[in-house]
Each structure stands twice: as structure tokens, then as C-alpha cells.
Amino acid sequence: MSNSESGRAAGIALRRRATWASLTVAVILIAAKLAAWIGTGSVALLASLVDSLVDAAASLVNLLAVRHAATPADREHRFGHGKAEPLAALGQSAFLVGSAVLLMFEAARRLAEPAAVQHPPAGIAVMVFAIVVTVGLVAYQRHVVKRTGSLAVGADELHYRGDILLNLGVIAALSIGGVYRVPLLDPLFGAAVGMWIIYGAVKITLLSLTQLMDRELPDDERARVRVIAESHPDVIAVHDIRTRVAGPTAFIQLHLEMDGAMNLLRAHEISDEVEAQLRHAFPHAEIIIHEDPAGIEEPVSFPARRQAG
């Protein structure tokens, strides 16, 4: 197995472990928060419980999506199945919005009929446990995203990172509400959490649409592609750089201009050398290079961006 193939296999294994870890944590927290909510009746705790239920559903979707995205290209999907990940992230955002709406309805009901929270210390203890577990999960997810660039795991990490703030807020609401006997604080915090969840859903949706609409890589990464390609001594120029991302895989296409008198074998060797350098810089990329004799004008099939090659 080549270094590229072994690196890709390691990335797939990391993404799968991250989705299993996320699902396991969500199930554990659902059990703990359900018991705490039954004991306290807190809307803030209900908000956190609903969020964990959504986490579990989203993690299950992620698990299936990551497995499907890792499926090799086939006859019907020649570019692979990477877009399963942004589709899963869109599914997450739908789960998030639905849970936020239900939560805000419950908060409105409790604002109309205020009720004191029962046994706040029990709820606080569960929230401290939830924070410790979530911090560990987020640290692992960030490691996986850094290694693999997975959008599905990244969306999950963004959500769980927000959960840490949410859980801290629940602790504050239970503490202040219990000490000062302010029953309205609990549903007000629940409503605020609902708005926070919707905000997170919008961010995930925008990230997903970026990939589904085949948006170019960031300009600094496109510039890096150009620098690497032009650094080869036998490459005269580079043009028509095109890029896109599908899940964990980036697709890079470019034209190399070389001496027109060069034989085809040497041109192919140079192309392979440039591809190897690009693959080292972008280990999760599929790279296509076209060789052109220098100085020949080619028709432009689309308006060039200022940053484009």
C-alpha cells in the first residue's frame, strides 16, 4: 500500500472513530440529563437534554454519512461519495432547527406558568459531568478535523463546542435561580439556548452549501497550488487552476506550460513530479494535470477570477 493510500485509510478510520465517540457520548449524556430533568423540572436542563437528543440523531446520521463518503469511487460515482458528508451536515442543521423550535415553545409555556426548579444541586452535578465529557470529545474531534478535514466531524465539533457554553449557562441558571428564587430565569435561558441552536444551524448550513455548490478552495490554498507547481524548474507557467471540495477530498486541476520541443515522456515525468509535490501538500486531494506547450493560446471557457490562474 502506498503512503497516499495508507494515509487515506488512516483518515477514514479516524473519522469513523470520531463519529462512534460522538454517538456514545450523546447516549451517555441523554441518560444523565433525562434523570436530572425528571428530578428538577428545569427548562434549562430540558434544553440541554433536547440538545443531546439532537446530538445523538446527528451523530447517527454522521456515522452513516462518513461510512458512505469513504466508499471508493464506482461506475456511477466516478468522483467518489464525499458529498455524503455535507449532506449529513445539512441534516444536522434540520435537526437543530426542529429541536430549537420545540424548546422555545416549552420556554414560552413556562414563562406563562412559572414554576420553581426542584433540587438544583442534582442538576448542577449532571451539568459538570456533561462539561467534562464534552471537553474530552471536542478535543478529540478537533484532532480528527485537523488530520482529515472532515466537514461532518467539523460540524459535530462546532455543535459540541457550543454545548460547553450551553452547559455552563445551565449551571448559572440553576445556581442563580435556586439562590435568588427567580423562576422566570430558567425559561428565559431555555429560550436563549433555542436561539443559540438556530445560530449554530445556520453556520452548519453555510459550510455545507459551500461544498455542495463546488466552491473553490480558499485563495491562499489556490496560491499555494500555484507556487508548488511553478517551483519545478521545467515548468514555464501554470494556468486554469480549478479546485473544489467534496467531504474530506479536495479536487485540484491545473495546466502546466512546458517547452514545446520536449518529448511526451519527459513532459509526463515532470507532471508526475509536480503531482507528487502537490499530493504531499494536499494529502487528501485528487489531482489532475494537463500538459501544454508554452505560448499556445487556449480558449477561456469561463470568466477568470482575479485570483485564479
C-alpha atoms as a PDB file:
ATOM      1  CA  MET A   1       0.000   0.000   0.000  1.00  0.00           C
ATOM      2  CA  SER A   2       1.380   3.449  -0.969  1.00  0.00           C
ATOM      3  CA  ASN A   3       1.844   6.281   1.540  1.00  0.00           C
ATOM      4  CA  SER A   4      -1.123   8.100  -0.022  1.00  0.00           C
ATOM      5  CA  GLU A   5      -3.397   5.059   0.301  1.00  0.00           C
ATOM      6  CA  SER A   6      -2.284   4.299   3.868  1.00  0.00           C
ATOM      7  CA  GLY A   7      -2.833   7.948   4.848  1.00  0.00           C
ATOM      8  CA  ARG A   8      -6.313   7.867   3.336  1.00  0.00           C
ATOM      9  CA  ALA A   9      -7.160   4.635   5.178  1.00  0.00           C
ATOM     10  CA  ALA A  10      -5.934   6.159   8.447  1.00  0.00           C
ATOM     11  CA  GLY A  11      -8.111   9.228   7.827  1.00  0.00           C
ATOM     12  CA  ILE A  12     -11.185   7.069   7.219  1.00  0.00           C
ATOM     13  CA  ALA A  13     -10.531   5.144  10.453  1.00  0.00           C
ATOM     14  CA  LEU A  14     -10.143   8.410  12.393  1.00  0.00           C
ATOM     15  CA  ARG A  15     -13.434   9.803  11.048  1.00  0.00           C
ATOM     16  CA  ARG A  16     -15.267   6.592  11.931  1.00  0.00           C
ATOM     17  CA  ARG A  17     -13.859   6.551  15.471  1.00  0.00           C
ATOM     18  CA  ALA A  18     -14.851  10.205  15.914  1.00  0.00           C
ATOM     19  CA  THR A  19     -18.461   9.510  14.886  1.00  0.00           C
ATOM     20  CA  TRP A  20     -18.682   6.497  17.218  1.00  0.00           C
ATOM     21  CA  ALA A  21     -17.227   8.576  20.064  1.00  0.00           C
ATOM     22  CA  SER A  22     -19.781  11.326  19.413  1.00  0.00           C
ATOM     23  CA  LEU A  23     -22.702   8.887  19.388  1.00  0.00           C
ATOM     24  CA  THR A  24     -21.500   7.187  22.594  1.00  0.00           C
ATOM     25  CA  VAL A  25     -21.121  10.488  24.444  1.00  0.00           C
ATOM     26  CA  ALA A  26     -24.577  11.649  23.295  1.00  0.00           C
ATOM     27  CA  VAL A  27     -26.252   8.462  24.587  1.00  0.00           C
ATOM     28  CA  ILE A  28     -24.486   8.715  27.965  1.00  0.00           C
ATOM     29  CA  LEU A  29     -25.468  12.370  28.371  1.00  0.00           C
ATOM     30  CA  ILE A  30     -29.084  11.690  27.367  1.00  0.00           C
ATOM     31  CA  ALA A  31     -29.422   9.170  30.195  1.00  0.00           C
ATOM     32  CA  ALA A  32     -27.819  11.508  32.753  1.00  0.00           C
ATOM     33  CA  LYS A  33     -29.768  14.618  31.695  1.00  0.00           C
ATOM     34  CA  LEU A  34     -33.085  12.764  31.495  1.00  0.00           C
ATOM     35  CA  ALA A  35     -32.707  11.660  35.108  1.00  0.00           C
ATOM     36  CA  ALA A  36     -31.712  15.192  36.156  1.00  0.00           C
ATOM     37  CA  TRP A  37     -34.612  16.812  34.277  1.00  0.00           C
ATOM     38  CA  ILE A  38     -37.148  14.427  35.850  1.00  0.00           C
ATOM     39  CA  GLY A  39     -35.729  15.318  39.257  1.00  0.00           C
ATOM     40  CA  THR A  40     -35.589  19.104  38.771  1.00  0.00           C
ATOM     41  CA  GLY A  41     -38.238  20.031  36.183  1.00  0.00           C
ATOM     42  CA  SER A  42     -35.841  22.690  34.848  1.00  0.00           C
ATOM     43  CA  VAL A  43     -36.470  24.088  31.353  1.00  0.00           C
ATOM     44  CA  ALA A  44     -32.761  24.893  31.117  1.00  0.00           C
ATOM     45  CA  LEU A  45     -31.988  21.227  31.765  1.00  0.00           C
ATOM     46  CA  LEU A  46     -34.670  20.252  29.261  1.00  0.00           C
ATOM     47  CA  ALA A  47     -32.882  22.488  26.738  1.00  0.00           C
ATOM     48  CA  SER A  48     -29.662  20.621  27.336  1.00  0.00           C
ATOM     49  CA  LEU A  49     -31.479  17.256  27.134  1.00  0.00           C
ATOM     50  CA  VAL A  50     -33.103  18.185  23.813  1.00  0.00           C
ATOM     51  CA  ASP A  51     -29.710  19.273  22.539  1.00  0.00           C
ATOM     52  CA  SER A  52     -28.235  15.874  23.469  1.00  0.00           C
ATOM     53  CA  LEU A  53     -31.116  14.083  21.733  1.00  0.00           C
ATOM     54  CA  VAL A  54     -30.317  16.065  18.605  1.00  0.00           C
ATOM     55  CA  ASP A  55     -26.636  15.243  19.076  1.00  0.00           C
ATOM     56  CA  ALA A  56     -27.461  11.531  19.099  1.00  0.00           C
ATOM     57  CA  ALA A  57     -29.595  11.758  15.945  1.00  0.00           C
ATOM     58  CA  ALA A  58     -26.990  13.882  14.172  1.00  0.00           C
ATOM     59  CA  SER A  59     -24.173  11.562  15.237  1.00  0.00           C
ATOM     60  CA  LEU A  60     -26.055   8.574  13.841  1.00  0.00           C
ATOM     61  CA  VAL A  61     -26.518  10.409  10.538  1.00  0.00           C
ATOM     62  CA  ASN A  62     -22.816  11.312  10.598  1.00  0.00           C
ATOM     63  CA  LEU A  63     -21.836   7.708  11.209  1.00  0.00           C
ATOM     64  CA  LEU A  64     -23.739   6.572   8.127  1.00  0.00           C
ATOM     65  CA  ALA A  65     -22.520   9.530   6.056  1.00  0.00           C
ATOM     66  CA  VAL A  66     -18.847   9.042   6.935  1.00  0.00           C
ATOM     67  CA  ARG A  67     -19.126   5.354   6.093  1.00  0.00           C
ATOM     68  CA  HIS A  68     -20.765   6.182   2.743  1.00  0.00           C
ATOM     69  CA  ALA A  69     -18.315   9.010   1.973  1.00  0.00           C
ATOM     70  CA  ALA A  70     -15.422   6.581   2.464  1.00  0.00           C
ATOM     71  CA  THR A  71     -16.805   4.235  -0.210  1.00  0.00           C
ATOM     72  CA  PRO A  72     -14.416   4.190  -3.178  1.00  0.00           C
ATOM     73  CA  ALA A  73     -15.448   5.728  -6.484  1.00  0.00           C
ATOM     74  CA  ASP A  74     -17.553   3.426  -8.644  1.00  0.00           C
ATOM     75  CA  ARG A  75     -19.039   3.418 -12.129  1.00  0.00           C
ATOM     76  CA  GLU A  76     -21.982   5.640 -11.127  1.00  0.00           C
ATOM     77  CA  HIS A  77     -19.929   7.953  -8.872  1.00  0.00           C
ATOM     78  CA  ARG A  78     -16.601   8.473 -10.578  1.00  0.00           C
ATOM     79  CA  PHE A  79     -15.646  11.321  -8.198  1.00  0.00           C
ATOM     80  CA  GLY A  80     -16.412   9.262  -5.107  1.00  0.00           C
ATOM     81  CA  HIS A  81     -19.096   9.747  -2.460  1.00  0.00           C
ATOM     82  CA  GLY A  82     -17.564  12.633  -0.488  1.00  0.00           C
ATOM     83  CA  LYS A  83     -20.658  14.842  -0.733  1.00  0.00           C
ATOM     84  CA  ALA A  84     -22.422  12.497   1.679  1.00  0.00           C
ATOM     85  CA  GLU A  85     -20.682  14.467   4.456  1.00  0.00           C
ATOM     86  CA  PRO A  86     -22.053  17.948   3.629  1.00  0.00           C
ATOM     87  CA  LEU A  87     -25.477  16.356   3.053  1.00  0.00           C
ATOM     88  CA  ALA A  88     -25.248  14.870   6.549  1.00  0.00           C
ATOM     89  CA  ALA A  89     -24.281  18.286   7.911  1.00  0.00           C
ATOM     90  CA  LEU A  90     -27.414  19.747   6.280  1.00  0.00           C
ATOM     91  CA  GLY A  91     -29.402  17.033   8.020  1.00  0.00           C
ATOM     92  CA  GLN A  92     -27.828  18.108  11.307  1.00  0.00           C
ATOM     93  CA  SER A  93     -28.948  21.675  10.760  1.00  0.00           C
ATOM     94  CA  ALA A  94     -32.539  20.498  10.163  1.00  0.00           C
ATOM     95  CA  PHE A  95     -32.453  18.519  13.423  1.00  0.00           C
ATOM     96  CA  LEU A  96     -31.100  21.580  15.212  1.00  0.00           C
ATOM     97  CA  VAL A  97     -33.806  23.949  13.975  1.00  0.00           C
ATOM     98  CA  GLY A  98     -36.585  21.490  14.834  1.00  0.00           C
ATOM     99  CA  SER A  99     -35.299  20.978  18.368  1.00  0.00           C
ATOM    100  CA  ALA A 100     -34.853  24.729  18.877  1.00  0.00           C
ATOM    101  CA  VAL A 101     -38.470  25.439  17.876  1.00  0.00           C
ATOM    102  CA  LEU A 102     -39.821  22.805  20.278  1.00  0.00           C
ATOM    103  CA  LEU A 103     -37.604  24.146  23.049  1.00  0.00           C
ATOM    104  CA  MET A 104     -38.781  27.722  22.567  1.00  0.00           C
ATOM    105  CA  PHE A 105     -42.427  26.594  22.719  1.00  0.00           C
ATOM    106  CA  GLU A 106     -41.729  24.928  26.080  1.00  0.00           C
ATOM    107  CA  ALA A 107     -39.917  28.062  27.305  1.00  0.00           C
ATOM    108  CA  ALA A 108     -42.920  30.198  26.314  1.00  0.00           C
ATOM    109  CA  ARG A 109     -45.255  27.855  28.214  1.00  0.00           C
ATOM    110  CA  ARG A 110     -43.108  28.105  31.341  1.00  0.00           C
ATOM    111  CA  LEU A 111     -42.928  31.889  31.040  1.00  0.00           C
ATOM    112  CA  ALA A 112     -46.734  31.942  31.075  1.00  0.00           C
ATOM    113  CA  GLU A 113     -46.847  29.477  34.001  1.00  0.00           C
ATOM    114  CA  PRO A 114     -43.643  29.977  36.089  1.00  0.00           C
ATOM    115  CA  ALA A 115     -42.554  27.131  38.366  1.00  0.00           C
ATOM    116  CA  ALA A 116     -39.603  26.839  40.729  1.00  0.00           C
ATOM    117  CA  VAL A 117     -36.790  24.428  39.893  1.00  0.00           C
ATOM    118  CA  GLN A 118     -36.556  21.434  42.213  1.00  0.00           C
ATOM    119  CA  HIS A 119     -33.229  20.093  43.617  1.00  0.00           C
ATOM    120  CA  PRO A 120     -30.839  22.435  41.710  1.00  0.00           C
ATOM    121  CA  PRO A 121     -27.659  20.760  43.105  1.00  0.00           C
ATOM    122  CA  ALA A 122     -28.521  17.486  41.336  1.00  0.00           C
ATOM    123  CA  GLY A 123     -28.895  19.293  38.027  1.00  0.00           C
ATOM    124  CA  ILE A 124     -25.639  21.189  38.553  1.00  0.00           C
ATOM    125  CA  ALA A 125     -23.751  17.950  39.240  1.00  0.00           C
ATOM    126  CA  VAL A 126     -25.008  16.425  35.986  1.00  0.00           C
ATOM    127  CA  MET A 127     -24.013  19.547  34.047  1.00  0.00           C
ATOM    128  CA  VAL A 128     -20.478  19.447  35.476  1.00  0.00           C
ATOM    129  CA  PHE A 129     -20.213  15.817  34.376  1.00  0.00           C
ATOM    130  CA  ALA A 130     -21.520  16.768  30.915  1.00  0.00           C
ATOM    131  CA  ILE A 131     -18.920  19.529  30.553  1.00  0.00           C
ATOM    132  CA  VAL A 132     -16.028  17.223  31.442  1.00  0.00           C
ATOM    133  CA  VAL A 133     -17.143  14.554  28.957  1.00  0.00           C
ATOM    134  CA  THR A 134     -17.858  17.109  26.205  1.00  0.00           C
ATOM    135  CA  VAL A 135     -14.480  18.829  26.570  1.00  0.00           C
ATOM    136  CA  GLY A 136     -12.761  15.482  26.046  1.00  0.00           C
ATOM    137  CA  LEU A 137     -14.882  14.747  22.962  1.00  0.00           C
ATOM    138  CA  VAL A 138     -14.287  18.188  21.424  1.00  0.00           C
ATOM    139  CA  ALA A 139     -10.526  17.846  21.888  1.00  0.00           C
ATOM    140  CA  TYR A 140     -10.597  14.515  20.047  1.00  0.00           C
ATOM    141  CA  GLN A 141     -12.860  15.849  17.280  1.00  0.00           C
ATOM    142  CA  ARG A 142     -10.580  18.834  16.694  1.00  0.00           C
ATOM    143  CA  HIS A 143      -7.655  16.444  16.333  1.00  0.00           C
ATOM    144  CA  VAL A 144      -9.611  14.428  13.741  1.00  0.00           C
ATOM    145  CA  VAL A 145     -10.680  17.540  11.790  1.00  0.00           C
ATOM    146  CA  LYS A 146      -7.090  18.781  11.724  1.00  0.00           C
ATOM    147  CA  ARG A 147      -5.909  15.415  10.369  1.00  0.00           C
ATOM    148  CA  THR A 148      -8.746  14.721   7.901  1.00  0.00           C
ATOM    149  CA  GLY A 149     -10.589  17.966   7.107  1.00  0.00           C
ATOM    150  CA  SER A 150     -13.937  16.153   7.590  1.00  0.00           C
ATOM    151  CA  LEU A 151     -16.898  18.561   7.324  1.00  0.00           C
ATOM    152  CA  ALA A 152     -19.272  16.154   9.096  1.00  0.00           C
ATOM    153  CA  VAL A 153     -16.956  15.778  12.103  1.00  0.00           C
ATOM    154  CA  GLY A 154     -16.254  19.530  11.976  1.00  0.00           C
ATOM    155  CA  ALA A 155     -19.969  20.331  12.126  1.00  0.00           C
ATOM    156  CA  ASP A 156     -20.338  17.957  15.070  1.00  0.00           C
ATOM    157  CA  GLU A 157     -17.358  19.566  16.823  1.00  0.00           C
ATOM    158  CA  LEU A 158     -18.863  23.034  16.298  1.00  0.00           C
ATOM    159  CA  HIS A 159     -22.102  21.863  17.866  1.00  0.00           C
ATOM    160  CA  TYR A 160     -20.440  20.203  20.865  1.00  0.00           C
ATOM    161  CA  ARG A 161     -18.247  23.260  21.399  1.00  0.00           C
ATOM    162  CA  GLY A 162     -21.456  25.272  21.725  1.00  0.00           C
ATOM    163  CA  ASP A 163     -22.760  22.644  24.155  1.00  0.00           C
ATOM    164  CA  ILE A 164     -19.955  23.510  26.585  1.00  0.00           C
ATOM    165  CA  LEU A 165     -21.212  27.102  26.770  1.00  0.00           C
ATOM    166  CA  LEU A 166     -24.787  25.842  26.948  1.00  0.00           C
ATOM    167  CA  ASN A 167     -23.982  23.594  29.912  1.00  0.00           C
ATOM    168  CA  LEU A 168     -22.160  26.416  31.697  1.00  0.00           C
ATOM    169  CA  GLY A 169     -25.247  28.553  31.168  1.00  0.00           C
ATOM    170  CA  VAL A 170     -27.487  25.833  32.613  1.00  0.00           C
ATOM    171  CA  ILE A 171     -25.289  25.745  35.726  1.00  0.00           C
ATOM    172  CA  ALA A 172     -25.575  29.533  36.043  1.00  0.00           C
ATOM    173  CA  ALA A 173     -29.351  29.444  35.572  1.00  0.00           C
ATOM    174  CA  LEU A 174     -29.800  26.691  38.164  1.00  0.00           C
ATOM    175  CA  SER A 175     -27.446  28.377  40.646  1.00  0.00           C
ATOM    176  CA  ILE A 176     -28.838  31.904  40.381  1.00  0.00           C
ATOM    177  CA  GLY A 177     -32.439  30.758  40.085  1.00  0.00           C
ATOM    178  CA  GLY A 178     -32.072  28.490  43.123  1.00  0.00           C
ATOM    179  CA  VAL A 179     -30.378  31.087  45.319  1.00  0.00           C
ATOM    180  CA  TYR A 180     -32.495  34.130  44.427  1.00  0.00           C
ATOM    181  CA  ARG A 181     -35.750  32.304  43.689  1.00  0.00           C
ATOM    182  CA  VAL A 182     -36.235  33.784  40.206  1.00  0.00           C
ATOM    183  CA  PRO A 183     -38.461  31.248  38.372  1.00  0.00           C
ATOM    184  CA  LEU A 184     -38.515  33.271  35.139  1.00  0.00           C
ATOM    185  CA  LEU A 185     -34.743  32.955  34.707  1.00  0.00           C
ATOM    186  CA  ASP A 186     -34.975  29.254  33.847  1.00  0.00           C
ATOM    187  CA  PRO A 187     -37.372  29.543  30.830  1.00  0.00           C
ATOM    188  CA  LEU A 188     -35.640  32.734  29.643  1.00  0.00           C
ATOM    189  CA  PHE A 189     -32.376  30.850  29.494  1.00  0.00           C
ATOM    190  CA  GLY A 190     -34.115  27.981  27.686  1.00  0.00           C
ATOM    191  CA  ALA A 191     -35.365  30.415  25.023  1.00  0.00           C
ATOM    192  CA  ALA A 192     -31.870  31.906  24.665  1.00  0.00           C
ATOM    193  CA  VAL A 193     -30.471  28.418  24.108  1.00  0.00           C
ATOM    194  CA  GLY A 194     -33.066  27.882  21.374  1.00  0.00           C
ATOM    195  CA  MET A 195     -31.807  30.973  19.538  1.00  0.00           C
ATOM    196  CA  TRP A 196     -28.197  29.811  20.004  1.00  0.00           C
ATOM    197  CA  ILE A 197     -29.046  26.435  18.461  1.00  0.00           C
ATOM    198  CA  ILE A 198     -30.621  28.135  15.416  1.00  0.00           C
ATOM    199  CA  TYR A 199     -27.484  30.270  15.011  1.00  0.00           C
ATOM    200  CA  GLY A 200     -25.353  27.115  15.014  1.00  0.00           C
ATOM    201  CA  ALA A 201     -27.659  25.521  12.432  1.00  0.00           C
ATOM    202  CA  VAL A 202     -27.207  28.484  10.085  1.00  0.00           C
ATOM    203  CA  LYS A 203     -23.393  28.204  10.329  1.00  0.00           C
ATOM    204  CA  ILE A 204     -23.511  24.480   9.565  1.00  0.00           C
ATOM    205  CA  THR A 205     -25.822  25.096   6.591  1.00  0.00           C
ATOM    206  CA  LEU A 206     -23.473  27.682   5.105  1.00  0.00           C
ATOM    207  CA  LEU A 207     -20.481  25.340   5.490  1.00  0.00           C
ATOM    208  CA  SER A 208     -22.405  22.545   3.779  1.00  0.00           C
ATOM    209  CA  LEU A 209     -23.592  24.695   0.873  1.00  0.00           C
ATOM    210  CA  THR A 210     -20.010  25.808   0.247  1.00  0.00           C
ATOM    211  CA  GLN A 211     -19.103  22.229  -0.634  1.00  0.00           C
ATOM    212  CA  LEU A 212     -22.337  21.220  -2.331  1.00  0.00           C
ATOM    213  CA  MET A 213     -22.043  24.215  -4.684  1.00  0.00           C
ATOM    214  CA  ASP A 214     -18.451  23.238  -5.611  1.00  0.00           C
ATOM    215  CA  ARG A 215     -16.924  26.448  -4.320  1.00  0.00           C
ATOM    216  CA  GLU A 216     -13.206  26.954  -4.919  1.00  0.00           C
ATOM    217  CA  LEU A 217     -10.626  26.345  -2.222  1.00  0.00           C
ATOM    218  CA  PRO A 218      -9.640  29.486  -0.267  1.00  0.00           C
ATOM    219  CA  ASP A 219      -7.401  31.890  -2.207  1.00  0.00           C
ATOM    220  CA  ASP A 220      -4.365  31.190  -0.023  1.00  0.00           C
ATOM    221  CA  GLU A 221      -4.589  27.477  -0.786  1.00  0.00           C
ATOM    222  CA  ARG A 222      -5.012  28.144  -4.515  1.00  0.00           C
ATOM    223  CA  ALA A 223      -1.955  30.398  -4.350  1.00  0.00           C
ATOM    224  CA  ARG A 224      -0.087  27.575  -2.635  1.00  0.00           C
ATOM    225  CA  VAL A 225      -1.007  25.230  -5.520  1.00  0.00           C
ATOM    226  CA  ARG A 226       0.423  27.747  -7.988  1.00  0.00           C
ATOM    227  CA  VAL A 227       3.655  28.248  -6.024  1.00  0.00           C
ATOM    228  CA  ILE A 228       4.263  24.498  -5.761  1.00  0.00           C
ATOM    229  CA  ALA A 229       3.613  23.883  -9.468  1.00  0.00           C
ATOM    230  CA  GLU A 230       5.723  26.820 -10.651  1.00  0.00           C
ATOM    231  CA  SER A 231       8.624  25.845  -8.389  1.00  0.00           C
ATOM    232  CA  HIS A 232       9.564  22.983 -10.732  1.00  0.00           C
ATOM    233  CA  PRO A 233      12.484  24.172 -12.912  1.00  0.00           C
ATOM    234  CA  ASP A 234      10.970  22.753 -16.128  1.00  0.00           C
ATOM    235  CA  VAL A 235       7.564  24.370 -15.658  1.00  0.00           C
ATOM    236  CA  ILE A 236       7.331  27.674 -17.532  1.00  0.00           C
ATOM    237  CA  ALA A 237       3.887  28.729 -16.304  1.00  0.00           C
ATOM    238  CA  VAL A 238       0.665  27.460 -14.720  1.00  0.00           C
ATOM    239  CA  HIS A 239      -2.851  28.367 -15.727  1.00  0.00           C
ATOM    240  CA  ASP A 240      -6.512  27.306 -15.461  1.00  0.00           C
ATOM    241  CA  ILE A 241      -6.315  26.213 -11.820  1.00  0.00           C
ATOM    242  CA  ARG A 242      -9.663  24.791 -10.742  1.00  0.00           C
ATOM    243  CA  THR A 243     -10.467  23.392  -7.303  1.00  0.00           C
ATOM    244  CA  ARG A 244     -13.397  22.106  -5.289  1.00  0.00           C
ATOM    245  CA  VAL A 245     -14.052  20.076  -2.151  1.00  0.00           C
ATOM    246  CA  ALA A 246     -16.350  17.089  -1.558  1.00  0.00           C
ATOM    247  CA  GLY A 247     -16.337  15.951   2.063  1.00  0.00           C
ATOM    248  CA  PRO A 248     -12.771  15.097   3.067  1.00  0.00           C
ATOM    249  CA  THR A 249     -11.487  15.100  -0.522  1.00  0.00           C
ATOM    250  CA  ALA A 250     -10.248  18.129  -2.468  1.00  0.00           C
ATOM    251  CA  PHE A 251     -10.106  18.081  -6.261  1.00  0.00           C
ATOM    252  CA  ILE A 252      -7.342  20.088  -7.951  1.00  0.00           C
ATOM    253  CA  GLN A 253      -6.995  20.573 -11.712  1.00  0.00           C
ATOM    254  CA  LEU A 254      -4.384  22.697 -13.483  1.00  0.00           C
ATOM    255  CA  HIS A 255      -2.487  23.144 -16.758  1.00  0.00           C
ATOM    256  CA  LEU A 256       1.322  23.116 -16.851  1.00  0.00           C
ATOM    257  CA  GLU A 257       3.100  25.019 -19.621  1.00  0.00           C
ATOM    258  CA  MET A 258       6.398  23.435 -20.689  1.00  0.00           C
ATOM    259  CA  ASP A 259       8.861  23.633 -23.569  1.00  0.00           C
ATOM    260  CA  GLY A 260       7.013  22.645 -26.757  1.00  0.00           C
ATOM    261  CA  ALA A 261      10.068  20.766 -28.063  1.00  0.00           C
ATOM    262  CA  MET A 262      10.060  18.451 -25.035  1.00  0.00           C
ATOM    263  CA  ASN A 263       9.129  14.835 -25.733  1.00  0.00           C
ATOM    264  CA  LEU A 264       5.953  13.358 -24.274  1.00  0.00           C
ATOM    265  CA  LEU A 265       7.770  11.020 -21.884  1.00  0.00           C
ATOM    266  CA  ARG A 266       9.683  13.895 -20.229  1.00  0.00           C
ATOM    267  CA  ALA A 267       6.522  16.021 -20.018  1.00  0.00           C
ATOM    268  CA  HIS A 268       4.784  13.126 -18.294  1.00  0.00           C
ATOM    269  CA  GLU A 269       7.660  12.739 -15.817  1.00  0.00           C
ATOM    270  CA  ILE A 270       7.533  16.439 -14.938  1.00  0.00           C
ATOM    271  CA  SER A 271       3.778  16.244 -14.455  1.00  0.00           C
ATOM    272  CA  ASP A 272       4.230  13.277 -12.093  1.00  0.00           C
ATOM    273  CA  GLU A 273       6.869  15.182 -10.116  1.00  0.00           C
ATOM    274  CA  VAL A 274       4.592  18.215  -9.725  1.00  0.00           C
ATOM    275  CA  GLU A 275       1.691  15.949  -8.743  1.00  0.00           C
ATOM    276  CA  ALA A 276       3.832  14.297  -6.054  1.00  0.00           C
ATOM    277  CA  GLN A 277       4.697  17.701  -4.567  1.00  0.00           C
ATOM    278  CA  LEU A 278       1.052  18.769  -4.590  1.00  0.00           C
ATOM    279  CA  ARG A 279      -0.053  15.489  -3.028  1.00  0.00           C
ATOM    280  CA  HIS A 280       2.485  15.999  -0.250  1.00  0.00           C
ATOM    281  CA  ALA A 281       0.975  19.432   0.468  1.00  0.00           C
ATOM    282  CA  PHE A 282      -2.638  18.271  -0.025  1.00  0.00           C
ATOM    283  CA  PRO A 283      -2.664  14.600   1.066  1.00  0.00           C
ATOM    284  CA  HIS A 284      -6.439  14.233   0.710  1.00  0.00           C
ATOM    285  CA  ALA A 285      -6.623  15.643  -2.832  1.00  0.00           C
ATOM    286  CA  GLU A 286      -7.379  14.116  -6.216  1.00  0.00           C
ATOM    287  CA  ILE A 287      -5.103  15.876  -8.724  1.00  0.00           C
ATOM    288  CA  ILE A 288      -5.461  16.130 -12.498  1.00  0.00           C
ATOM    289  CA  ILE A 289      -2.716  17.840 -14.538  1.00  0.00           C
ATOM    290  CA  HIS A 290      -2.834  18.732 -18.229  1.00  0.00           C
ATOM    291  CA  GLU A 291       0.418  19.424 -20.076  1.00  0.00           C
ATOM    292  CA  ASP A 292       0.530  22.322 -22.582  1.00  0.00           C
ATOM    293  CA  PRO A 293       3.323  23.559 -24.864  1.00  0.00           C
ATOM    294  CA  ALA A 294       4.259  27.082 -23.748  1.00  0.00           C
ATOM    295  CA  GLY A 295       2.970  30.020 -25.762  1.00  0.00           C
ATOM    296  CA  ILE A 296      -0.147  28.419 -27.246  1.00  0.00           C
ATOM    297  CA  GLU A 297      -3.327  30.393 -26.605  1.00  0.00           C
ATOM    298  CA  GLU A 298      -6.315  28.402 -25.341  1.00  0.00           C
ATOM    299  CA  PRO A 299      -9.976  29.447 -25.378  1.00  0.00           C
ATOM    300  CA  VAL A 300     -11.296  30.514 -21.968  1.00  0.00           C
ATOM    301  CA  SER A 301     -14.465  28.656 -21.096  1.00  0.00           C
ATOM    302  CA  PHE A 302     -15.479  30.837 -18.145  1.00  0.00           C
ATOM    303  CA  PRO A 303     -14.705  34.330 -16.774  1.00  0.00           C
ATOM    304  CA  ALA A 304     -11.431  34.209 -14.852  1.00  0.00           C
ATOM    305  CA  ARG A 305     -11.344  35.468 -11.274  1.00  0.00           C
ATOM    306  CA  ARG A 306      -8.590  37.877 -10.337  1.00  0.00           C
ATOM    307  CA  GLN A 307      -7.027  35.280  -8.042  1.00  0.00           C
ATOM    308  CA  ALA A 308      -7.473  32.423 -10.483  1.00  0.00           C
ATOM    309  CA  GLY A 309      -4.642  31.002 -12.582  1.00  0.00           C
END
